[in-house]
N, C-alpha and C. Protein backbone atom coordinates (compact mmCIF):
# COMPACT_ATOMS: atom_id res chain seq x y z
N MET A 1 13.48 116.57 116.53
CA MET A 1 13.82 117.87 116.14
C MET A 1 12.86 118.27 115.03
N ALA A 2 12.32 119.30 114.74
CA ALA A 2 11.27 119.85 113.75
C ALA A 2 12.04 119.69 112.44
N ARG A 3 11.30 119.12 111.53
CA ARG A 3 11.76 119.32 110.23
C ARG A 3 11.57 120.60 109.48
N LYS A 4 12.31 121.46 108.87
CA LYS A 4 12.29 122.56 108.42
C LYS A 4 12.43 122.38 106.81
N ILE A 5 11.79 123.05 105.99
CA ILE A 5 11.75 123.10 104.51
C ILE A 5 11.89 124.43 103.92
N ALA A 6 12.68 124.97 103.19
CA ALA A 6 12.48 126.36 102.40
C ALA A 6 12.61 125.94 101.06
N ILE A 7 11.58 126.43 100.33
CA ILE A 7 11.37 126.28 99.10
C ILE A 7 11.81 127.59 98.30
N ILE A 8 12.51 127.61 97.47
CA ILE A 8 13.07 128.84 96.85
C ILE A 8 12.78 128.94 95.48
N GLY A 9 12.35 130.28 95.27
CA GLY A 9 12.18 130.87 93.80
C GLY A 9 12.92 132.00 93.61
N LYS A 10 12.64 132.54 92.39
CA LYS A 10 13.37 133.58 91.84
C LYS A 10 13.10 135.10 92.35
N GLY A 11 11.89 135.19 93.10
CA GLY A 11 11.62 136.64 93.48
C GLY A 11 12.44 137.18 94.49
N GLY A 12 12.37 138.45 94.83
CA GLY A 12 13.19 139.24 95.66
C GLY A 12 13.13 138.79 97.19
N THR A 13 11.96 138.15 97.59
CA THR A 13 12.03 137.64 98.97
C THR A 13 12.98 136.38 99.36
N SER A 14 13.59 135.95 98.20
CA SER A 14 14.66 134.85 98.44
C SER A 14 15.62 135.18 99.18
N ALA A 15 16.07 136.63 99.31
CA ALA A 15 16.86 137.09 100.09
C ALA A 15 16.79 136.85 101.73
N PHE A 16 15.57 136.50 101.91
CA PHE A 16 15.26 136.21 103.37
C PHE A 16 15.50 134.64 103.61
N THR A 17 15.93 133.79 102.74
CA THR A 17 16.07 132.36 102.79
C THR A 17 17.15 132.22 103.92
N PRO A 18 16.91 131.24 104.95
CA PRO A 18 18.02 130.89 105.98
C PRO A 18 19.02 130.02 105.45
N TRP A 19 19.90 130.57 104.50
CA TRP A 19 20.86 129.99 103.72
C TRP A 19 21.80 129.41 104.84
N ARG A 20 22.26 130.00 105.85
CA ARG A 20 23.44 129.86 106.73
C ARG A 20 22.70 128.91 107.97
N ASP A 21 21.55 128.83 108.19
CA ASP A 21 21.03 127.87 109.15
C ASP A 21 20.73 126.39 108.59
N GLU A 22 21.85 125.79 109.17
CA GLU A 22 21.86 124.33 108.68
C GLU A 22 20.61 123.37 109.00
N SER A 23 19.89 124.07 110.10
CA SER A 23 18.69 123.34 110.59
C SER A 23 17.53 123.12 109.36
N TRP A 24 17.58 123.93 108.28
CA TRP A 24 16.98 124.09 107.14
C TRP A 24 17.30 123.26 105.87
N GLU A 25 16.43 122.48 105.51
CA GLU A 25 16.75 121.93 104.17
C GLU A 25 16.20 122.99 103.14
N ILE A 26 16.99 123.12 101.98
CA ILE A 26 16.74 124.13 101.11
C ILE A 26 16.35 123.37 99.67
N TRP A 27 15.14 123.63 99.19
CA TRP A 27 14.65 122.99 98.04
C TRP A 27 14.47 124.08 97.02
N GLY A 28 15.22 123.77 95.95
CA GLY A 28 15.40 124.69 94.79
C GLY A 28 14.98 123.93 93.39
N MET A 29 15.26 124.58 92.39
CA MET A 29 15.21 124.27 91.01
C MET A 29 16.64 124.22 90.32
N PRO A 30 16.93 123.43 89.42
CA PRO A 30 18.21 123.58 88.74
C PRO A 30 18.58 124.90 87.96
N TRP A 31 17.75 125.59 87.53
CA TRP A 31 17.91 126.85 86.77
C TRP A 31 18.05 127.94 87.58
N ILE A 32 17.93 127.69 89.06
CA ILE A 32 18.09 128.78 90.06
C ILE A 32 19.31 128.71 90.86
N GLU A 33 20.30 129.55 90.83
CA GLU A 33 21.47 129.26 91.47
C GLU A 33 21.27 129.75 92.98
N CYS A 34 21.67 129.02 93.84
CA CYS A 34 21.54 129.18 95.40
C CYS A 34 23.07 128.89 95.90
N PRO A 35 23.10 129.75 97.01
CA PRO A 35 24.46 129.51 97.91
C PRO A 35 24.53 128.26 98.69
N ARG A 36 22.90 127.70 98.92
CA ARG A 36 23.09 126.31 99.48
C ARG A 36 21.94 125.70 99.03
N VAL A 37 21.71 124.48 98.80
CA VAL A 37 20.82 123.81 98.29
C VAL A 37 20.81 122.17 98.66
N THR A 38 19.51 121.59 99.26
CA THR A 38 19.81 120.24 99.53
C THR A 38 19.00 119.30 98.78
N ARG A 39 18.07 119.87 97.85
CA ARG A 39 17.43 118.99 96.98
C ARG A 39 16.95 120.09 95.63
N LEU A 40 17.10 119.45 94.45
CA LEU A 40 16.62 120.06 93.26
C LEU A 40 15.27 119.60 92.66
N PHE A 41 14.53 120.25 91.80
CA PHE A 41 13.24 119.58 91.27
C PHE A 41 13.26 120.25 89.86
N GLU A 42 13.09 119.12 88.99
CA GLU A 42 12.79 119.47 87.54
C GLU A 42 11.72 118.23 87.21
N ILE A 43 10.47 118.80 87.21
CA ILE A 43 9.34 117.71 87.28
C ILE A 43 8.74 117.52 85.84
N HIS A 44 9.40 118.52 84.79
CA HIS A 44 8.98 118.27 83.19
C HIS A 44 9.04 117.00 82.73
N HIS A 45 8.17 116.59 81.62
CA HIS A 45 8.58 115.63 80.68
C HIS A 45 9.17 116.05 79.69
N ILE A 46 10.15 115.26 79.32
CA ILE A 46 11.06 115.61 78.17
C ILE A 46 10.41 115.90 76.77
N ASP A 47 9.07 115.13 76.74
CA ASP A 47 8.33 115.63 75.43
C ASP A 47 7.68 117.01 75.64
N LEU A 48 7.29 117.39 76.68
CA LEU A 48 6.85 118.75 76.86
C LEU A 48 7.98 119.74 76.62
N CYS A 49 9.25 119.53 76.96
CA CYS A 49 10.28 120.36 76.79
C CYS A 49 10.40 120.31 75.20
N GLU A 50 10.50 119.33 74.59
CA GLU A 50 10.86 119.27 73.24
C GLU A 50 9.81 120.10 72.54
N LYS A 51 8.50 120.01 72.69
CA LYS A 51 7.38 120.68 72.26
C LYS A 51 7.62 122.02 72.24
N GLU A 52 8.05 122.47 73.68
CA GLU A 52 7.97 124.05 73.78
C GLU A 52 9.14 124.64 73.20
N ILE A 53 10.27 123.79 73.07
CA ILE A 53 11.52 124.42 72.39
C ILE A 53 11.07 124.55 70.87
N ALA A 54 10.35 123.73 70.23
CA ALA A 54 9.79 123.76 68.83
C ALA A 54 8.89 124.93 68.75
N ALA A 55 8.30 125.33 69.57
CA ALA A 55 7.40 126.63 69.75
C ALA A 55 8.10 127.84 70.15
N GLY A 56 9.42 127.74 70.32
CA GLY A 56 10.22 128.88 70.60
C GLY A 56 10.45 129.46 72.15
N ALA A 57 10.01 128.61 73.11
CA ALA A 57 10.02 128.93 74.46
C ALA A 57 11.51 129.03 74.93
N LYS A 58 11.91 130.19 75.05
CA LYS A 58 13.49 130.50 75.52
C LYS A 58 13.66 129.69 76.87
N TRP A 59 12.96 129.38 77.90
CA TRP A 59 13.31 128.71 78.96
C TRP A 59 13.84 127.38 78.74
N TYR A 60 12.91 126.63 77.94
CA TYR A 60 13.11 125.19 77.45
C TYR A 60 14.47 125.26 76.69
N ALA A 61 14.61 126.09 75.83
CA ALA A 61 15.71 126.13 74.82
C ALA A 61 16.99 126.29 75.37
N ASP A 62 16.95 127.02 76.74
CA ASP A 62 18.01 127.10 77.52
C ASP A 62 18.39 126.02 78.68
N ARG A 63 17.67 124.85 78.25
CA ARG A 63 17.79 123.86 79.34
C ARG A 63 19.13 123.31 79.33
N GLU A 64 19.79 122.93 78.00
CA GLU A 64 21.18 122.46 78.03
C GLU A 64 22.04 123.16 78.87
N ALA A 65 22.02 124.59 78.71
CA ALA A 65 22.79 125.56 79.47
C ALA A 65 22.64 125.59 81.10
N TRP A 66 21.26 125.68 81.30
CA TRP A 66 21.22 125.52 82.74
C TRP A 66 21.27 123.95 83.52
N ALA A 67 21.31 123.12 82.78
CA ALA A 67 21.28 121.79 83.15
C ALA A 67 22.76 121.72 83.31
N ALA A 68 23.79 121.97 82.44
CA ALA A 68 25.20 122.01 82.57
C ALA A 68 25.76 122.70 83.85
N LYS A 69 25.09 123.85 83.91
CA LYS A 69 25.41 124.78 85.10
C LYS A 69 25.04 124.21 86.40
N ALA A 70 23.94 123.48 86.64
CA ALA A 70 23.38 122.87 87.75
C ALA A 70 24.56 121.60 87.96
N ARG A 71 24.64 121.11 87.04
CA ARG A 71 25.64 119.90 87.23
C ARG A 71 27.22 120.24 87.88
N GLU A 72 27.42 121.51 87.18
CA GLU A 72 28.82 122.02 87.74
C GLU A 72 28.72 122.49 89.47
N LEU A 73 27.41 123.16 89.39
CA LEU A 73 27.24 123.72 90.82
C LEU A 73 26.80 122.66 91.86
N TYR A 74 26.11 121.93 91.52
CA TYR A 74 25.55 120.78 92.50
C TYR A 74 25.68 119.31 91.86
N PRO A 75 26.97 118.97 91.94
CA PRO A 75 27.16 117.63 91.42
C PRO A 75 26.77 116.46 92.45
N ASP A 76 26.66 116.84 93.81
CA ASP A 76 26.28 115.89 94.77
C ASP A 76 24.97 115.89 95.10
N ILE A 77 24.22 116.92 94.67
CA ILE A 77 22.76 117.12 95.21
C ILE A 77 21.69 116.27 94.40
N PRO A 78 20.85 115.63 95.00
CA PRO A 78 19.81 114.79 94.36
C PRO A 78 18.76 115.96 93.47
N THR A 79 18.42 115.47 92.46
CA THR A 79 17.47 116.10 91.74
C THR A 79 16.18 115.37 91.38
N TYR A 80 15.14 115.92 92.01
CA TYR A 80 13.84 114.87 91.86
C TYR A 80 13.18 115.25 90.55
N CYS A 81 13.17 114.44 89.59
CA CYS A 81 12.51 114.61 88.43
C CYS A 81 11.69 113.60 87.82
N HIS A 82 11.22 114.03 86.62
CA HIS A 82 10.68 112.94 85.59
C HIS A 82 11.53 112.03 84.98
N PRO A 83 11.17 110.78 84.90
CA PRO A 83 11.98 109.63 84.51
C PRO A 83 12.74 110.19 83.29
N THR A 84 12.00 110.67 82.39
CA THR A 84 12.55 111.19 80.91
C THR A 84 13.48 112.28 81.14
N MET A 85 14.05 112.97 82.16
CA MET A 85 14.65 114.13 82.44
C MET A 85 15.90 113.24 83.32
N ALA A 86 16.06 112.23 83.75
CA ALA A 86 16.87 111.61 84.70
C ALA A 86 18.39 111.80 84.15
N HIS A 87 18.65 111.54 83.00
CA HIS A 87 19.80 111.60 82.04
C HIS A 87 20.54 113.13 82.13
N PHE A 88 19.91 113.85 82.54
CA PHE A 88 20.43 115.21 82.77
C PHE A 88 21.10 115.77 83.96
N PHE A 89 20.93 114.93 84.99
CA PHE A 89 21.60 115.23 86.24
C PHE A 89 22.32 113.89 86.90
N PRO A 90 23.45 114.37 87.75
CA PRO A 90 24.23 113.23 88.11
C PRO A 90 23.60 112.57 89.22
N LYS A 91 22.57 113.01 90.07
CA LYS A 91 22.03 112.35 91.08
C LYS A 91 20.47 112.25 90.85
N PRO A 92 20.01 111.71 90.00
CA PRO A 92 18.49 111.84 89.85
C PRO A 92 17.82 110.99 90.56
N VAL A 93 16.68 111.53 91.04
CA VAL A 93 15.73 110.61 92.01
C VAL A 93 14.42 110.71 91.17
N ILE A 94 13.68 109.69 91.04
CA ILE A 94 12.36 109.81 90.14
C ILE A 94 11.39 110.30 91.16
N TYR A 95 10.83 111.34 90.55
CA TYR A 95 9.90 111.90 91.66
C TYR A 95 8.51 111.07 91.75
N PRO A 96 7.96 110.73 93.20
CA PRO A 96 6.97 109.73 93.45
C PRO A 96 5.48 110.43 93.01
N PHE A 97 5.53 110.43 91.56
CA PHE A 97 4.20 111.08 91.05
C PHE A 97 3.11 110.32 91.63
N ASP A 98 2.88 109.01 91.40
CA ASP A 98 1.77 108.36 92.00
C ASP A 98 1.49 108.44 93.42
N GLU A 99 2.43 108.47 94.27
CA GLU A 99 2.17 108.50 95.67
C GLU A 99 2.00 109.71 96.16
N VAL A 100 2.25 110.73 95.63
CA VAL A 100 1.91 112.04 95.91
C VAL A 100 0.50 112.34 95.45
N ILE A 101 0.19 112.00 94.15
CA ILE A 101 -1.20 112.24 93.79
C ILE A 101 -2.17 111.40 94.87
N LYS A 102 -1.82 110.34 95.33
CA LYS A 102 -2.73 109.35 96.41
C LYS A 102 -2.82 110.23 97.55
N PHE A 103 -1.80 110.68 97.99
CA PHE A 103 -1.62 111.40 99.21
C PHE A 103 -2.55 112.58 99.49
N LEU A 104 -2.66 113.22 98.37
CA LEU A 104 -3.40 114.67 98.45
C LEU A 104 -4.90 114.55 98.28
N PRO A 105 -5.40 115.09 99.33
CA PRO A 105 -7.01 115.20 99.30
C PRO A 105 -7.35 115.59 97.51
N ILE A 106 -7.15 116.75 97.08
CA ILE A 106 -7.20 117.02 95.75
C ILE A 106 -5.98 117.26 95.05
N PRO A 107 -5.54 116.36 94.08
CA PRO A 107 -4.27 116.47 93.36
C PRO A 107 -4.23 117.74 92.46
N TYR A 108 -4.02 118.90 92.96
CA TYR A 108 -3.84 119.97 92.15
C TYR A 108 -2.44 120.52 92.17
N LEU A 109 -1.82 120.23 90.94
CA LEU A 109 -0.38 120.38 91.01
C LEU A 109 -0.14 121.22 89.62
N GLU A 110 0.09 122.29 89.57
CA GLU A 110 0.25 123.27 88.38
C GLU A 110 1.52 123.84 88.26
N THR A 111 2.63 123.58 89.19
CA THR A 111 3.82 124.18 88.97
C THR A 111 4.95 123.33 89.71
N THR A 112 6.07 123.60 89.40
CA THR A 112 7.16 122.84 90.10
C THR A 112 7.00 123.29 91.78
N ILE A 113 6.59 124.27 92.03
CA ILE A 113 6.58 124.78 93.38
C ILE A 113 5.38 123.90 94.26
N SER A 114 4.35 123.40 93.43
CA SER A 114 3.33 122.87 93.98
C SER A 114 3.85 121.14 94.16
N TYR A 115 4.45 120.76 93.29
CA TYR A 115 4.88 119.43 93.48
C TYR A 115 6.05 119.43 94.67
N GLU A 116 6.98 120.45 94.97
CA GLU A 116 7.88 120.51 96.08
C GLU A 116 6.98 120.53 97.29
N ILE A 117 6.02 121.33 97.48
CA ILE A 117 5.12 121.45 98.56
C ILE A 117 4.35 120.13 98.74
N ALA A 118 3.97 119.54 98.12
CA ALA A 118 3.22 118.27 98.12
C ALA A 118 4.02 117.30 98.45
N LEU A 119 5.38 117.27 98.16
CA LEU A 119 6.27 116.06 98.63
C LEU A 119 6.59 116.31 99.87
N ALA A 120 6.93 117.73 100.29
CA ALA A 120 7.35 118.10 101.69
C ALA A 120 6.07 117.60 102.63
N LEU A 121 4.81 117.86 102.28
CA LEU A 121 3.73 117.42 103.04
C LEU A 121 3.58 115.86 103.24
N MET A 122 3.90 115.22 102.20
CA MET A 122 3.77 113.81 102.21
C MET A 122 4.95 113.25 102.96
N GLU A 123 6.00 113.84 102.87
CA GLU A 123 7.18 113.36 103.87
C GLU A 123 7.34 113.65 105.10
N GLY A 124 6.38 114.74 105.56
CA GLY A 124 6.31 115.20 106.89
C GLY A 124 7.24 116.35 107.03
N VAL A 125 6.58 117.52 107.23
CA VAL A 125 7.32 118.82 107.48
C VAL A 125 6.81 119.39 108.56
N ASP A 126 7.69 120.05 109.48
CA ASP A 126 6.88 120.93 110.59
C ASP A 126 6.77 122.30 110.30
N GLU A 127 7.85 122.98 109.58
CA GLU A 127 8.08 124.34 109.15
C GLU A 127 8.27 124.30 107.58
N LEU A 128 7.54 125.14 107.01
CA LEU A 128 7.55 125.27 105.47
C LEU A 128 7.82 126.85 105.14
N GLY A 129 8.92 126.99 104.60
CA GLY A 129 9.22 128.48 104.32
C GLY A 129 9.03 128.66 102.73
N LEU A 130 8.23 129.75 102.17
CA LEU A 130 8.32 129.95 100.89
C LEU A 130 9.05 131.39 100.74
N PHE A 131 10.26 131.28 100.06
CA PHE A 131 11.01 132.32 99.86
C PHE A 131 11.19 132.62 98.43
N GLY A 132 10.90 133.83 98.02
CA GLY A 132 11.11 134.07 96.62
C GLY A 132 9.94 133.45 95.54
N ILE A 133 8.97 133.25 96.26
CA ILE A 133 7.80 132.75 95.57
C ILE A 133 6.81 133.61 95.50
N HIS A 134 6.69 134.53 94.32
CA HIS A 134 5.85 135.50 94.25
C HIS A 134 4.72 135.30 93.54
N MET A 135 4.81 134.68 92.21
CA MET A 135 3.95 134.21 91.21
C MET A 135 3.00 135.33 90.80
N GLN A 136 3.55 136.60 90.55
CA GLN A 136 2.73 137.66 90.34
C GLN A 136 2.59 137.75 88.76
N GLY A 137 1.85 138.49 88.41
CA GLY A 137 1.48 138.90 86.75
C GLY A 137 0.86 137.73 86.07
N HIS A 138 0.80 138.15 84.74
CA HIS A 138 0.08 137.03 84.15
C HIS A 138 0.81 135.90 83.41
N ARG A 139 0.44 135.41 82.38
CA ARG A 139 0.97 134.37 81.97
C ARG A 139 0.93 133.02 82.67
N GLU A 140 1.86 132.37 82.84
CA GLU A 140 1.65 130.92 83.60
C GLU A 140 1.23 131.28 85.24
N PHE A 141 1.67 132.34 85.56
CA PHE A 141 1.32 132.47 86.96
C PHE A 141 -0.29 132.62 87.58
N GLU A 142 -0.83 133.13 86.64
CA GLU A 142 -2.40 133.08 86.68
C GLU A 142 -2.89 131.97 87.05
N TRP A 143 -2.44 130.60 86.33
CA TRP A 143 -3.09 129.48 86.57
C TRP A 143 -2.23 128.72 87.42
N GLN A 144 -0.89 128.94 87.69
CA GLN A 144 -0.29 128.05 88.80
C GLN A 144 -0.34 128.66 90.08
N ARG A 145 -0.69 129.81 90.45
CA ARG A 145 -0.72 130.46 91.74
C ARG A 145 -1.81 129.73 92.59
N PRO A 146 -3.02 129.39 91.94
CA PRO A 146 -3.90 128.89 93.02
C PRO A 146 -3.45 127.36 93.38
N SER A 147 -2.94 126.60 92.63
CA SER A 147 -2.33 125.52 93.15
C SER A 147 -1.36 125.55 94.56
N VAL A 148 -0.55 126.68 94.29
CA VAL A 148 0.42 126.79 95.48
C VAL A 148 -0.41 127.34 96.73
N THR A 149 -1.58 128.38 96.52
CA THR A 149 -2.17 128.95 97.58
C THR A 149 -3.12 127.81 98.23
N TYR A 150 -3.53 126.69 97.45
CA TYR A 150 -4.36 125.67 97.65
C TYR A 150 -3.44 124.85 98.68
N LEU A 151 -2.18 124.65 98.31
CA LEU A 151 -1.33 123.57 99.18
C LEU A 151 -0.90 124.41 100.48
N VAL A 152 -0.59 125.63 100.37
CA VAL A 152 -0.41 126.33 101.79
C VAL A 152 -1.64 126.26 102.63
N GLY A 153 -2.93 126.21 102.20
CA GLY A 153 -4.05 126.07 102.96
C GLY A 153 -3.86 124.70 103.64
N LEU A 154 -3.73 123.79 102.72
CA LEU A 154 -3.68 122.38 103.03
C LEU A 154 -2.56 122.26 104.42
N ALA A 155 -1.29 122.67 104.00
CA ALA A 155 -0.20 122.69 104.95
C ALA A 155 -0.90 123.26 106.54
N HIS A 156 -1.55 124.18 106.44
CA HIS A 156 -1.97 125.00 107.51
C HIS A 156 -2.99 124.09 108.15
N GLY A 157 -3.79 123.52 107.39
CA GLY A 157 -4.79 122.44 107.87
C GLY A 157 -4.21 121.14 108.73
N MET A 158 -2.93 120.96 107.92
CA MET A 158 -2.43 119.85 108.61
C MET A 158 -1.45 120.20 109.83
N GLY A 159 -1.26 121.32 110.33
CA GLY A 159 -0.85 121.52 111.50
C GLY A 159 0.78 122.14 111.09
N VAL A 160 1.08 122.41 109.92
CA VAL A 160 2.47 123.01 109.38
C VAL A 160 2.59 124.39 109.72
N LYS A 161 3.52 124.79 110.31
CA LYS A 161 3.88 126.26 110.24
C LYS A 161 4.36 126.76 108.95
N VAL A 162 3.84 127.57 108.44
CA VAL A 162 4.18 128.20 107.08
C VAL A 162 4.82 129.39 107.36
N ILE A 163 5.93 129.72 106.84
CA ILE A 163 6.62 130.95 106.85
C ILE A 163 6.52 131.67 105.68
N LEU A 164 6.07 132.65 105.48
CA LEU A 164 6.01 133.80 104.27
C LEU A 164 6.93 135.12 104.69
N PRO A 165 7.91 135.28 103.90
CA PRO A 165 8.74 136.35 104.34
C PRO A 165 8.02 137.69 104.19
N ALA A 166 8.32 138.72 104.80
CA ALA A 166 7.85 140.03 104.81
C ALA A 166 7.88 140.58 103.37
N GLY A 167 6.85 141.19 102.86
CA GLY A 167 6.98 141.56 101.53
C GLY A 167 6.47 140.77 100.42
N THR A 168 6.20 139.54 100.73
CA THR A 168 5.96 138.71 99.65
C THR A 168 4.56 138.94 99.17
N PRO A 169 4.42 138.94 97.89
CA PRO A 169 3.06 139.36 97.14
C PRO A 169 2.12 137.89 97.04
N LEU A 170 2.65 136.78 97.37
CA LEU A 170 1.90 135.61 97.33
C LEU A 170 0.24 135.67 97.61
N PHE A 171 0.19 136.42 98.91
CA PHE A 171 -1.21 136.33 99.26
C PHE A 171 -1.54 137.83 99.33
N MET A 172 -1.06 138.69 98.66
CA MET A 172 -1.47 140.14 98.62
C MET A 172 -2.79 140.22 98.28
N SER A 173 -3.78 141.03 98.75
CA SER A 173 -4.92 141.41 98.08
C SER A 173 -4.71 142.29 96.94
N GLY A 174 -5.60 142.00 95.89
CA GLY A 174 -5.62 142.78 94.74
C GLY A 174 -6.70 144.19 94.74
N TYR A 175 -7.26 144.31 95.75
CA TYR A 175 -8.18 145.25 96.14
C TYR A 175 -7.43 146.39 96.97
N ASN A 176 -7.96 147.67 96.59
CA ASN A 176 -7.39 148.90 97.13
C ASN A 176 -7.60 149.04 98.78
N GLY A 177 -8.76 148.21 99.27
CA GLY A 177 -8.99 148.42 100.43
C GLY A 177 -8.38 147.33 101.42
N GLY A 178 -7.47 146.42 100.60
CA GLY A 178 -6.79 145.46 101.39
C GLY A 178 -7.69 144.19 101.55
N ARG A 179 -8.91 144.13 101.12
CA ARG A 179 -9.60 143.01 100.99
C ARG A 179 -10.87 143.47 100.34
N TYR A 180 -11.47 142.25 99.71
CA TYR A 180 -12.63 142.21 98.95
C TYR A 180 -13.85 142.96 100.03
N GLY A 181 -14.56 143.75 99.48
CA GLY A 181 -15.69 144.29 100.20
C GLY A 181 -15.60 145.47 100.89
N GLU A 182 -14.39 146.05 100.84
CA GLU A 182 -13.93 147.39 101.38
C GLU A 182 -14.40 148.37 100.70
N PRO A 183 -14.63 149.54 101.09
CA PRO A 183 -15.17 150.79 100.55
C PRO A 183 -14.24 151.04 99.33
N GLY A 184 -14.76 151.29 98.09
CA GLY A 184 -13.98 151.53 96.85
C GLY A 184 -14.10 150.26 96.16
N GLY A 185 -13.69 149.15 96.81
CA GLY A 185 -13.84 147.73 96.30
C GLY A 185 -13.19 147.41 94.82
N GLU A 186 -12.72 148.42 94.29
CA GLU A 186 -12.15 148.18 92.88
C GLU A 186 -10.86 147.59 93.01
N ARG A 187 -10.52 146.85 92.02
CA ARG A 187 -9.08 146.25 91.83
C ARG A 187 -8.20 147.21 92.05
N ASN A 188 -6.93 146.90 92.50
CA ASN A 188 -5.57 147.74 92.60
C ASN A 188 -5.31 147.75 91.05
N LEU A 189 -5.10 149.00 90.71
CA LEU A 189 -4.75 149.22 89.25
C LEU A 189 -3.24 148.80 88.86
N ILE A 190 -2.36 148.88 89.89
CA ILE A 190 -1.09 148.29 89.79
C ILE A 190 -1.00 146.84 89.56
N LEU A 191 -1.65 145.96 90.33
CA LEU A 191 -1.71 144.62 90.15
C LEU A 191 -2.52 144.26 88.93
N ARG A 192 -3.54 145.10 88.50
CA ARG A 192 -4.09 144.62 87.05
C ARG A 192 -3.05 144.83 85.87
N ARG A 193 -2.04 145.75 85.96
CA ARG A 193 -1.19 145.94 85.07
C ARG A 193 -0.33 144.68 84.93
N LEU A 194 0.11 143.92 85.94
CA LEU A 194 1.13 143.06 86.02
C LEU A 194 0.76 141.80 85.03
């Protein structure tokens, strides 16, 4: 039987996630509420979290709240995490950082989504769905998105069927003609403002 893994983000295309199809594993993050999830991921080192909290980063400051909510919602779900974060979760599993890095031809891991895709490839996946993974706009997505698109290309090269829901902007062209080199050739002004 084919192994199917859906990786979930917070974008609108998460509505297309096969929540009710039990043949799919659903991989998420503890700060995103899901109707069903089979694995959670929190790969940040606690020192990074503390540094970001000191700098005023809201997401990290909310860590206690979302970790408590995740413990309530998902008490029996394994959370793949950095060893320094294991105490936050009822069923921690230390993410195999060294093994994943050795497995990848180029260990380009710039976001939790990348770590999820890399582990799915290392463990062996036949179908990989990316739902709610939009990575639009500026800030961290500008430097995180390329690692996700690299790993999607690697997955294709490995023969994995990659499913991108209709309307996902993950691979949307930033050019008015739909691709670089079309007449006009200018960047889409809407995308430049994101």
